[in-house]
Amino acid sequence: MKFLKSVIAEMKKVSWPTKVQLRKDTIIVFEMSIIFAILFFIFDTVIKNGLNAILNLR
């Protein structure tokens, strides 16, 4: 019971974001995820093609 009271007390101290701020933060996370996915795809493709070119020189 003491644990639940502690949890409730701590949750009252939390400063929750507004709906507008939450929406902005969510959009930023999605945008950054897409950007990193594209960058990883580009780097992976470049490295794969580079290694294939090196290995096919023999």
C-alpha atoms as a PDB file:
ATOM      1  CA  MET A   1       0.000   0.000   0.000  1.00  0.00           C
ATOM      2  CA  LYS A   2       2.898   2.319   0.777  1.00  0.00           C
ATOM      3  CA  PHE A   3       4.259   1.741  -2.720  1.00  0.00           C
ATOM      4  CA  LEU A   4       0.998   2.813  -4.380  1.00  0.00           C
ATOM      5  CA  LYS A   5       0.838   5.964  -2.258  1.00  0.00           C
ATOM      6  CA  SER A   6       4.414   6.772  -3.293  1.00  0.00           C
ATOM      7  CA  VAL A   7       3.567   6.238  -6.957  1.00  0.00           C
ATOM      8  CA  ILE A   8       0.520   8.509  -6.732  1.00  0.00           C
ATOM      9  CA  ALA A   9       2.568  11.196  -4.947  1.00  0.00           C
ATOM     10  CA  GLU A  10       5.271  11.053  -7.630  1.00  0.00           C
ATOM     11  CA  MET A  11       2.743  11.135 -10.484  1.00  0.00           C
ATOM     12  CA  LYS A  12       1.306  14.360  -9.062  1.00  0.00           C
ATOM     13  CA  LYS A  13       4.768  15.943  -9.368  1.00  0.00           C
ATOM     14  CA  VAL A  14       5.079  15.096 -13.073  1.00  0.00           C
ATOM     15  CA  SER A  15       4.673  17.998 -15.484  1.00  0.00           C
ATOM     16  CA  TRP A  16       2.767  16.617 -18.438  1.00  0.00           C
ATOM     17  CA  PRO A  17       3.177  18.196 -21.896  1.00  0.00           C
ATOM     18  CA  THR A  18       0.319  20.036 -23.511  1.00  0.00           C
ATOM     19  CA  LYS A  19      -1.452  18.511 -26.508  1.00  0.00           C
ATOM     20  CA  VAL A  20       0.286  20.974 -28.826  1.00  0.00           C
ATOM     21  CA  GLN A  21       3.742  20.172 -27.436  1.00  0.00           C
ATOM     22  CA  LEU A  22       3.033  16.436 -27.541  1.00  0.00           C
ATOM     23  CA  ARG A  23       1.958  16.705 -31.184  1.00  0.00           C
ATOM     24  CA  LYS A  24       5.099  18.686 -32.090  1.00  0.00           C
ATOM     25  CA  ASP A  25       7.379  16.213 -30.309  1.00  0.00           C
ATOM     26  CA  THR A  26       5.664  13.250 -31.965  1.00  0.00           C
ATOM     27  CA  ILE A  27       6.074  14.799 -35.420  1.00  0.00           C
ATOM     28  CA  ILE A  28       9.753  15.470 -34.736  1.00  0.00           C
ATOM     29  CA  VAL A  29      10.286  11.832 -33.690  1.00  0.00           C
ATOM     30  CA  PHE A  30       8.606  10.549 -36.870  1.00  0.00           C
ATOM     31  CA  GLU A  31      10.590  12.943 -39.072  1.00  0.00           C
ATOM     32  CA  MET A  32      13.894  11.989 -37.464  1.00  0.00           C
ATOM     33  CA  SER A  33      13.060   8.277 -37.747  1.00  0.00           C
ATOM     34  CA  ILE A  34      12.396   8.674 -41.467  1.00  0.00           C
ATOM     35  CA  ILE A  35      15.568  10.720 -41.991  1.00  0.00           C
ATOM     36  CA  PHE A  36      17.730   8.146 -40.168  1.00  0.00           C
ATOM     37  CA  ALA A  37      16.093   5.255 -42.033  1.00  0.00           C
ATOM     38  CA  ILE A  38      16.910   6.957 -45.347  1.00  0.00           C
ATOM     39  CA  LEU A  39      20.487   7.683 -44.248  1.00  0.00           C
ATOM     40  CA  PHE A  40      21.042   4.093 -43.085  1.00  0.00           C
ATOM     41  CA  PHE A  41      19.655   2.808 -46.382  1.00  0.00           C
ATOM     42  CA  ILE A  42      21.996   5.077 -48.366  1.00  0.00           C
ATOM     43  CA  PHE A  43      25.060   4.144 -46.278  1.00  0.00           C
ATOM     44  CA  ASP A  44      24.194   0.444 -46.441  1.00  0.00           C
ATOM     45  CA  THR A  45      23.776   0.593 -50.215  1.00  0.00           C
ATOM     46  CA  VAL A  46      27.046   2.479 -50.707  1.00  0.00           C
ATOM     47  CA  ILE A  47      28.990   0.089 -48.471  1.00  0.00           C
ATOM     48  CA  LYS A  48      27.410  -2.984 -50.106  1.00  0.00           C
ATOM     49  CA  ASN A  49      28.190  -1.731 -53.618  1.00  0.00           C
ATOM     50  CA  GLY A  50      31.709  -0.745 -52.593  1.00  0.00           C
ATOM     51  CA  LEU A  51      32.432  -4.155 -51.124  1.00  0.00           C
ATOM     52  CA  ASN A  52      30.942  -5.892 -54.162  1.00  0.00           C
ATOM     53  CA  ALA A  53      33.153  -3.787 -56.432  1.00  0.00           C
ATOM     54  CA  ILE A  54      36.256  -4.631 -54.378  1.00  0.00           C
ATOM     55  CA  LEU A  55      35.470  -8.354 -54.236  1.00  0.00           C
ATOM     56  CA  ASN A  56      34.730  -8.547 -57.975  1.00  0.00           C
ATOM     57  CA  LEU A  57      38.151  -7.121 -58.905  1.00  0.00           C
ATOM     58  CA  ARG A  58      39.799 -10.514 -58.507  1.00  0.00           C
END
